[in-house]
N, C-alpha and C. Protein backbone atom coordinates (compact mmCIF):
# COMPACT_ATOMS: atom_id res chain seq x y z
N MET A 1 47.16 144.30 176.57
CA MET A 1 47.60 145.04 175.29
C MET A 1 47.51 144.84 174.36
N THR A 2 47.82 145.35 173.54
CA THR A 2 48.00 144.91 171.91
C THR A 2 49.49 145.22 171.68
N THR A 3 49.63 144.62 170.43
CA THR A 3 50.87 145.24 169.55
C THR A 3 50.77 146.78 169.38
N PRO A 4 51.79 147.54 169.70
CA PRO A 4 51.99 148.88 169.95
C PRO A 4 52.03 149.06 168.33
N THR A 5 51.05 150.47 167.75
CA THR A 5 50.70 150.77 166.40
C THR A 5 52.48 151.85 166.27
N ARG A 6 52.94 151.86 165.16
CA ARG A 6 53.81 153.15 165.17
C ARG A 6 53.08 153.87 163.87
N VAL A 7 53.25 155.06 164.50
CA VAL A 7 52.86 156.52 163.56
C VAL A 7 53.75 157.18 163.33
N THR A 8 53.86 157.69 161.66
CA THR A 8 54.74 158.78 161.47
C THR A 8 53.88 159.78 160.92
N LEU A 9 54.30 160.63 161.31
CA LEU A 9 53.75 162.10 160.44
C LEU A 9 54.36 163.03 159.90
N ARG A 10 54.22 163.56 158.69
CA ARG A 10 54.93 164.55 158.04
C ARG A 10 54.71 165.68 158.69
N ALA A 11 55.69 166.93 158.85
CA ALA A 11 55.57 168.27 159.04
C ALA A 11 54.62 168.86 159.06
N GLY A 12 53.92 169.36 159.93
CA GLY A 12 52.68 169.87 159.96
C GLY A 12 51.46 169.29 159.69
N GLU A 13 51.51 167.61 159.76
CA GLU A 13 50.44 167.16 159.47
C GLU A 13 50.10 166.77 161.27
N ARG A 14 48.38 166.44 161.34
CA ARG A 14 47.61 166.28 162.22
C ARG A 14 46.93 164.67 162.46
N ILE A 15 47.01 164.25 163.87
CA ILE A 15 46.57 163.07 164.01
C ILE A 15 45.40 163.39 165.02
N PHE A 16 44.11 162.95 164.93
CA PHE A 16 43.32 162.92 166.02
C PHE A 16 43.14 161.63 166.93
N ILE A 17 43.89 161.94 167.76
CA ILE A 17 43.62 160.61 168.94
C ILE A 17 42.55 161.26 170.00
N ASN A 18 41.74 160.13 170.32
CA ASN A 18 40.61 159.91 171.20
C ASN A 18 40.12 161.10 171.64
N GLY A 19 39.81 162.08 170.56
CA GLY A 19 39.33 163.34 170.82
C GLY A 19 39.92 164.63 170.83
N ALA A 20 41.27 164.12 170.79
CA ALA A 20 42.68 165.15 171.14
C ALA A 20 43.12 165.63 169.60
N VAL A 21 43.41 166.67 169.82
CA VAL A 21 43.87 167.22 167.92
C VAL A 21 45.18 166.89 168.51
N LEU A 22 46.41 166.77 167.74
CA LEU A 22 48.06 166.91 167.87
C LEU A 22 48.55 167.28 166.42
N ARG A 23 49.45 168.05 166.39
CA ARG A 23 49.98 168.58 165.09
C ARG A 23 51.44 168.46 165.53
N SER A 24 52.37 167.60 164.32
CA SER A 24 53.37 167.60 164.35
C SER A 24 54.37 168.65 163.43
N GLU A 25 55.32 169.32 164.67
CA GLU A 25 55.99 170.69 163.82
C GLU A 25 57.31 170.06 162.76
N GLY A 26 57.58 169.14 162.83
CA GLY A 26 58.99 168.15 162.16
C GLY A 26 58.01 166.83 161.80
N ARG A 27 59.09 166.18 160.92
CA ARG A 27 58.63 164.73 160.87
C ARG A 27 58.48 164.09 162.27
N ALA A 28 57.75 163.15 162.71
CA ALA A 28 57.95 162.21 163.89
C ALA A 28 57.24 161.17 163.84
N THR A 29 57.88 160.16 164.47
CA THR A 29 57.59 158.92 164.62
C THR A 29 57.54 158.53 166.03
N PHE A 30 56.35 158.04 166.77
CA PHE A 30 56.13 157.55 167.70
C PHE A 30 54.96 156.18 168.02
N GLU A 31 55.16 155.69 168.60
CA GLU A 31 54.17 154.50 169.24
C GLU A 31 53.19 154.63 170.03
N ILE A 32 51.77 154.41 169.63
CA ILE A 32 51.05 154.14 170.44
C ILE A 32 50.69 153.03 171.53
N LEU A 33 50.92 153.17 172.39
CA LEU A 33 51.37 151.70 173.27
C LEU A 33 50.09 150.82 173.86
N ASN A 34 48.59 151.71 173.77
CA ASN A 34 47.58 151.28 174.16
C ASN A 34 46.11 151.42 172.84
N ASP A 35 45.20 150.52 172.99
CA ASP A 35 44.35 150.60 172.52
C ASP A 35 43.26 152.23 172.61
N VAL A 36 43.68 152.50 171.30
CA VAL A 36 42.80 154.30 171.61
C VAL A 36 42.33 154.38 170.10
N PRO A 37 41.22 154.84 170.12
CA PRO A 37 41.01 155.52 168.58
C PRO A 37 41.81 156.74 168.07
N PHE A 38 41.95 156.70 166.34
CA PHE A 38 42.99 157.68 166.04
C PHE A 38 42.85 157.65 164.66
N LEU A 39 42.91 158.82 164.03
CA LEU A 39 42.85 158.48 162.80
C LEU A 39 44.02 159.87 162.18
N ALA A 40 44.82 159.32 161.46
CA ALA A 40 45.71 160.45 160.83
C ALA A 40 44.80 161.44 159.83
N GLU A 41 45.41 162.80 159.70
CA GLU A 41 44.65 163.70 158.84
C GLU A 41 44.44 163.12 157.57
N SER A 42 45.09 162.41 156.76
CA SER A 42 44.85 161.90 155.33
C SER A 42 43.56 160.79 155.64
N GLU A 43 43.38 160.38 156.65
CA GLU A 43 41.98 159.04 156.59
C GLU A 43 40.67 160.16 157.01
N ILE A 44 40.91 161.43 157.11
CA ILE A 44 39.94 162.26 157.64
C ILE A 44 39.27 162.89 156.47
N MET A 45 37.35 162.51 156.02
CA MET A 45 36.51 162.68 155.14
C MET A 45 36.24 164.35 155.53
N HIS A 46 36.11 165.16 154.95
CA HIS A 46 35.20 166.28 155.17
C HIS A 46 33.89 166.27 154.23
N ALA A 47 33.26 167.35 155.23
CA ALA A 47 32.10 167.22 154.82
C ALA A 47 31.91 167.12 153.60
N GLN A 48 32.26 168.36 152.66
CA GLN A 48 31.75 168.45 151.26
C GLN A 48 32.70 166.99 150.06
N GLN A 49 33.29 166.07 151.17
CA GLN A 49 33.23 165.02 150.09
C GLN A 49 32.38 163.54 150.55
N THR A 50 31.32 164.14 151.40
CA THR A 50 30.14 162.69 151.49
C THR A 50 29.06 162.84 150.63
N VAL A 51 29.61 162.56 149.13
CA VAL A 51 28.47 162.69 147.87
C VAL A 51 27.79 161.35 147.99
N THR A 52 28.20 159.99 148.32
CA THR A 52 27.63 159.35 148.48
C THR A 52 27.09 158.12 149.71
N PRO A 53 26.10 157.56 149.47
CA PRO A 53 25.77 157.05 150.79
C PRO A 53 26.54 156.41 151.59
N LEU A 54 28.18 155.71 151.38
CA LEU A 54 28.66 155.20 151.94
C LEU A 54 29.88 156.42 152.50
N ARG A 55 30.19 157.32 151.95
CA ARG A 55 30.89 158.47 152.64
C ARG A 55 30.26 158.98 153.42
N GLN A 56 28.95 159.15 153.73
CA GLN A 56 28.10 159.75 154.42
C GLN A 56 28.19 158.84 155.63
N LEU A 57 27.78 157.52 155.44
CA LEU A 57 28.36 156.29 156.62
C LEU A 57 29.77 156.90 157.05
N TYR A 58 30.78 156.93 155.94
CA TYR A 58 32.08 157.20 156.78
C TYR A 58 32.41 158.24 157.76
N TYR A 59 31.53 159.26 157.27
CA TYR A 59 31.73 160.74 158.10
C TYR A 59 30.79 160.76 159.68
N ILE A 60 29.95 159.77 159.45
CA ILE A 60 29.09 159.33 160.67
C ILE A 60 30.20 158.91 161.50
N LEU A 61 30.77 157.47 161.22
CA LEU A 61 31.94 156.99 161.99
C LEU A 61 32.83 157.60 162.54
N GLN A 62 33.28 158.29 161.75
CA GLN A 62 34.45 159.20 161.64
C GLN A 62 33.76 160.40 163.17
N THR A 63 33.20 160.56 163.12
CA THR A 63 32.62 161.76 163.81
C THR A 63 32.49 160.85 165.04
N MET A 64 32.22 159.66 165.09
CA MET A 64 31.96 158.56 166.55
C MET A 64 33.25 158.37 166.98
N VAL A 65 34.10 158.54 166.12
CA VAL A 65 35.80 157.99 166.71
C VAL A 65 36.19 159.30 167.42
N MET A 66 36.35 160.68 166.45
CA MET A 66 36.86 161.61 166.70
C MET A 66 36.60 162.35 167.92
N GLU A 67 35.09 162.57 168.09
CA GLU A 67 34.02 163.43 168.95
C GLU A 67 33.36 162.07 170.11
N PRO A 68 34.36 161.34 170.80
CA PRO A 68 33.52 160.67 171.92
C PRO A 68 32.70 161.10 172.99
N ALA A 69 32.65 162.49 173.35
CA ALA A 69 31.85 162.92 173.83
C ALA A 69 30.31 163.02 173.24
N GLY A 70 30.00 162.98 171.70
CA GLY A 70 28.87 163.20 171.20
C GLY A 70 28.53 162.11 170.29
N ILE A 71 29.42 160.95 170.84
CA ILE A 71 28.75 159.52 169.95
C ILE A 71 27.19 159.33 170.45
N GLU A 72 26.38 159.69 171.69
CA GLU A 72 25.19 158.91 171.59
C GLU A 72 24.44 159.64 170.41
N THR A 73 25.02 161.22 170.29
CA THR A 73 24.04 162.06 169.14
C THR A 73 24.36 160.91 168.15
N ALA A 74 25.86 161.15 167.38
CA ALA A 74 26.02 160.54 166.08
C ALA A 74 25.61 158.99 165.88
N ARG A 75 25.31 158.34 167.28
CA ARG A 75 24.42 156.85 166.99
C ARG A 75 23.38 156.88 166.79
N GLY A 76 22.12 158.04 166.72
CA GLY A 76 21.30 157.55 166.47
C GLY A 76 21.52 158.14 164.75
N VAL A 77 22.13 158.83 164.19
CA VAL A 77 22.11 159.39 162.95
C VAL A 77 22.99 158.01 161.71
N TYR A 78 23.64 157.34 162.86
CA TYR A 78 24.22 155.77 162.39
C TYR A 78 23.43 155.03 162.64
N ASP A 79 22.42 154.76 163.48
CA ASP A 79 21.29 153.77 163.06
C ASP A 79 19.96 154.20 162.14
N ASP A 80 19.54 155.33 161.92
CA ASP A 80 19.27 155.92 160.52
C ASP A 80 19.60 155.69 159.06
N THR A 81 20.87 156.24 159.24
CA THR A 81 21.80 155.93 157.80
C THR A 81 21.92 154.24 157.90
N MET A 82 22.57 153.47 158.41
CA MET A 82 22.62 152.26 158.45
C MET A 82 21.10 151.48 158.14
N TYR A 83 19.91 151.83 158.62
CA TYR A 83 19.15 151.20 158.16
C TYR A 83 18.79 151.43 156.80
N TRP A 84 18.80 152.31 156.60
CA TRP A 84 18.54 152.62 154.72
C TRP A 84 19.36 152.29 153.94
N LEU A 85 20.78 152.27 154.07
CA LEU A 85 21.73 151.81 153.35
C LEU A 85 21.28 149.88 153.03
N LYS A 86 20.93 149.33 154.26
CA LYS A 86 20.35 148.09 153.96
C LYS A 86 19.52 147.63 153.47
N GLN A 87 18.51 148.52 153.49
CA GLN A 87 17.38 148.71 152.31
C GLN A 87 17.71 148.82 151.31
N THR A 88 19.07 149.46 150.99
CA THR A 88 19.20 150.25 149.61
C THR A 88 19.60 149.26 148.51
N PHE A 89 21.24 148.85 149.05
CA PHE A 89 22.39 148.31 148.49
C PHE A 89 21.66 146.92 148.38
N ALA A 90 22.08 146.21 146.99
CA ALA A 90 22.14 145.10 147.00
C ALA A 90 23.22 144.02 146.28
N ASN A 91 24.19 144.81 146.39
CA ASN A 91 25.57 144.44 146.16
C ASN A 91 25.91 143.13 147.24
N PRO A 92 26.04 141.99 147.34
CA PRO A 92 26.43 141.13 148.24
C PRO A 92 27.46 141.35 149.14
N ILE A 93 28.76 142.00 148.67
CA ILE A 93 29.94 142.46 148.87
C ILE A 93 29.79 143.56 149.92
N VAL A 94 29.02 144.70 149.31
CA VAL A 94 28.53 145.74 150.27
C VAL A 94 27.39 145.11 151.26
N ILE A 95 26.03 144.26 151.39
CA ILE A 95 25.81 143.93 151.86
C ILE A 95 26.60 143.19 153.23
N ALA A 96 27.00 142.39 153.26
CA ALA A 96 28.19 141.76 154.12
C ALA A 96 29.27 142.71 154.92
N GLY A 97 29.14 143.27 154.16
CA GLY A 97 30.47 144.45 154.77
C GLY A 97 29.79 145.02 155.49
N LEU A 98 27.96 145.85 155.34
CA LEU A 98 27.70 146.54 156.38
C LEU A 98 27.42 146.05 157.64
N GLU A 99 27.48 144.40 157.43
CA GLU A 99 26.76 143.97 158.45
C GLU A 99 27.91 143.47 159.45
N THR A 100 29.17 143.62 158.79
CA THR A 100 30.60 143.61 159.61
C THR A 100 30.60 144.67 160.11
N ILE A 101 30.26 146.03 159.50
CA ILE A 101 30.38 147.63 160.12
C ILE A 101 29.03 147.59 161.43
N SER A 102 27.93 146.64 161.34
CA SER A 102 27.00 147.08 162.39
C SER A 102 27.41 146.12 163.57
N GLY A 103 28.07 144.76 163.44
CA GLY A 103 28.75 144.57 164.65
C GLY A 103 29.88 145.08 165.28
N LYS A 104 30.84 145.71 164.59
CA LYS A 104 31.88 146.25 164.78
C LYS A 104 31.27 147.39 166.07
N VAL A 105 30.30 148.13 165.03
CA VAL A 105 29.65 149.56 166.23
C VAL A 105 29.05 148.79 167.50
N ALA A 106 28.35 147.66 167.24
CA ALA A 106 27.69 147.17 168.24
C ALA A 106 28.27 146.71 169.20
N GLU A 107 29.71 146.47 169.11
CA GLU A 107 30.96 146.09 170.13
C GLU A 107 31.41 147.42 170.40
N GLY A 108 31.24 148.41 170.25
CA GLY A 108 31.62 149.89 170.48
C GLY A 108 33.11 149.97 170.09
N ALA A 109 33.55 149.20 168.54
CA ALA A 109 34.39 149.83 168.16
C ALA A 109 34.56 150.65 166.52
N PRO A 110 33.87 151.45 166.67
CA PRO A 110 33.77 152.23 165.37
C PRO A 110 35.10 152.49 164.97
N PHE A 111 36.19 152.60 165.19
CA PHE A 111 37.09 152.65 164.74
C PHE A 111 37.62 151.26 163.52
N GLU A 112 36.95 150.40 163.91
CA GLU A 112 37.55 148.87 163.18
C GLU A 112 36.00 149.13 162.57
N ALA A 113 35.10 149.80 162.76
CA ALA A 113 33.97 149.74 161.06
C ALA A 113 34.51 150.44 160.31
N LEU A 114 34.97 151.42 160.85
CA LEU A 114 36.02 152.48 159.34
C LEU A 114 36.60 151.97 158.98
N LYS A 115 37.50 150.91 158.93
CA LYS A 115 38.42 149.96 158.24
C LYS A 115 37.81 149.54 157.52
N THR A 116 36.74 148.94 158.09
CA THR A 116 36.01 148.05 156.88
C THR A 116 35.44 148.65 155.77
N LEU A 117 34.66 149.61 156.30
CA LEU A 117 34.00 150.87 155.16
C LEU A 117 35.04 151.50 154.06
N ARG A 118 36.40 151.37 154.71
CA ARG A 118 37.52 152.15 153.63
C ARG A 118 37.31 151.00 152.36
N THR A 119 37.06 149.82 152.78
CA THR A 119 37.28 148.61 151.60
C THR A 119 36.06 148.44 150.72
N LEU A 120 34.81 149.50 151.48
CA LEU A 120 33.77 149.46 150.38
C LEU A 120 33.73 150.39 149.63
N ILE A 121 34.12 151.63 149.87
CA ILE A 121 34.18 152.75 149.35
C ILE A 121 34.21 153.05 147.63
N PRO A 122 35.35 151.93 147.18
CA PRO A 122 35.94 151.59 146.04
C PRO A 122 34.91 150.90 145.61
N ILE A 123 34.05 149.86 145.96
CA ILE A 123 33.36 148.62 145.09
C ILE A 123 31.79 150.24 145.33
N GLU A 124 31.56 150.87 146.05
CA GLU A 124 30.28 151.90 145.89
C GLU A 124 30.24 152.72 144.28
N ASP A 125 31.81 152.99 144.60
CA ASP A 125 32.55 154.10 143.36
C ASP A 125 32.00 153.16 141.68
N ALA A 126 32.46 152.24 141.85
CA ALA A 126 32.37 151.31 140.63
C ALA A 126 31.42 150.92 140.37
N ILE A 127 29.90 150.58 141.16
CA ILE A 127 28.49 150.83 141.36
C ILE A 127 28.00 151.77 140.76
N LEU A 128 28.65 153.31 141.33
CA LEU A 128 27.71 154.30 140.71
C LEU A 128 28.35 154.85 139.51
N GLY A 129 29.91 154.91 139.39
CA GLY A 129 30.47 155.64 138.55
C GLY A 129 30.59 154.82 137.31
N GLY A 130 29.77 153.36 137.26
CA GLY A 130 29.68 152.26 136.03
C GLY A 130 28.58 152.63 135.60
N ASN A 131 27.55 153.54 136.31
CA ASN A 131 26.14 153.72 135.95
C ASN A 131 25.96 152.22 135.59
N ARG A 132 25.62 151.63 136.41
CA ARG A 132 25.14 150.15 137.04
C ARG A 132 24.09 150.29 137.92
N MET A 133 22.95 151.30 137.92
CA MET A 133 21.92 151.50 138.67
C MET A 133 21.27 150.14 139.12
N ALA A 134 21.30 149.23 138.39
CA ALA A 134 20.76 148.18 138.66
C ALA A 134 21.53 147.30 140.03
N GLU A 135 22.59 147.46 140.37
CA GLU A 135 22.88 146.88 141.58
C GLU A 135 22.60 147.66 142.43
N LEU A 136 21.82 148.84 142.48
CA LEU A 136 21.36 149.63 143.41
C LEU A 136 19.86 149.01 143.77
N ARG A 137 19.38 148.86 144.94
CA ARG A 137 17.60 149.17 144.60
C ARG A 137 17.43 149.71 145.28
N VAL A 138 16.16 150.32 145.09
CA VAL A 138 15.63 151.37 145.91
C VAL A 138 14.05 151.20 146.33
N VAL A 139 14.39 151.28 147.52
CA VAL A 139 13.14 151.09 148.45
C VAL A 139 12.15 152.02 148.33
N LYS A 140 10.88 151.84 148.37
CA LYS A 140 9.64 153.10 148.20
C LYS A 140 9.43 152.91 149.44
N ALA A 141 9.13 154.41 150.05
CA ALA A 141 8.69 154.49 151.44
C ALA A 141 7.21 154.50 151.37
N SER A 142 6.51 153.47 152.51
CA SER A 142 5.46 153.31 152.36
C SER A 142 4.20 154.34 152.82
């Protein structure tokens, strides 16, 4: 067993724990005593927010965490997406992060992969927002 994880929710805030959705009526603090995937509402990305490739990957991984029963379907989409991301990005930090994410997913730890992906999204924003498209390598399909 790992160290307990302390979670604090504001009134009305939701948390997604291993496929279940819980909502706090008032401010609540509790500890999760075992290893179980969970996402606080503030960590959830909505479909309309998936406007960049790494945000799309986040949504896929999030689905794997939130809907364990549908993990095989999400895994197929993940595999296709990850293949193209690795072919597309040239930024060495992003490439290394994608490799770490691949390893975590292969270990059956999509929640840990999400943590890594959160660190890559600001880098992607800098690449795309800075109009530095030279850092993205577009591969033509043969």
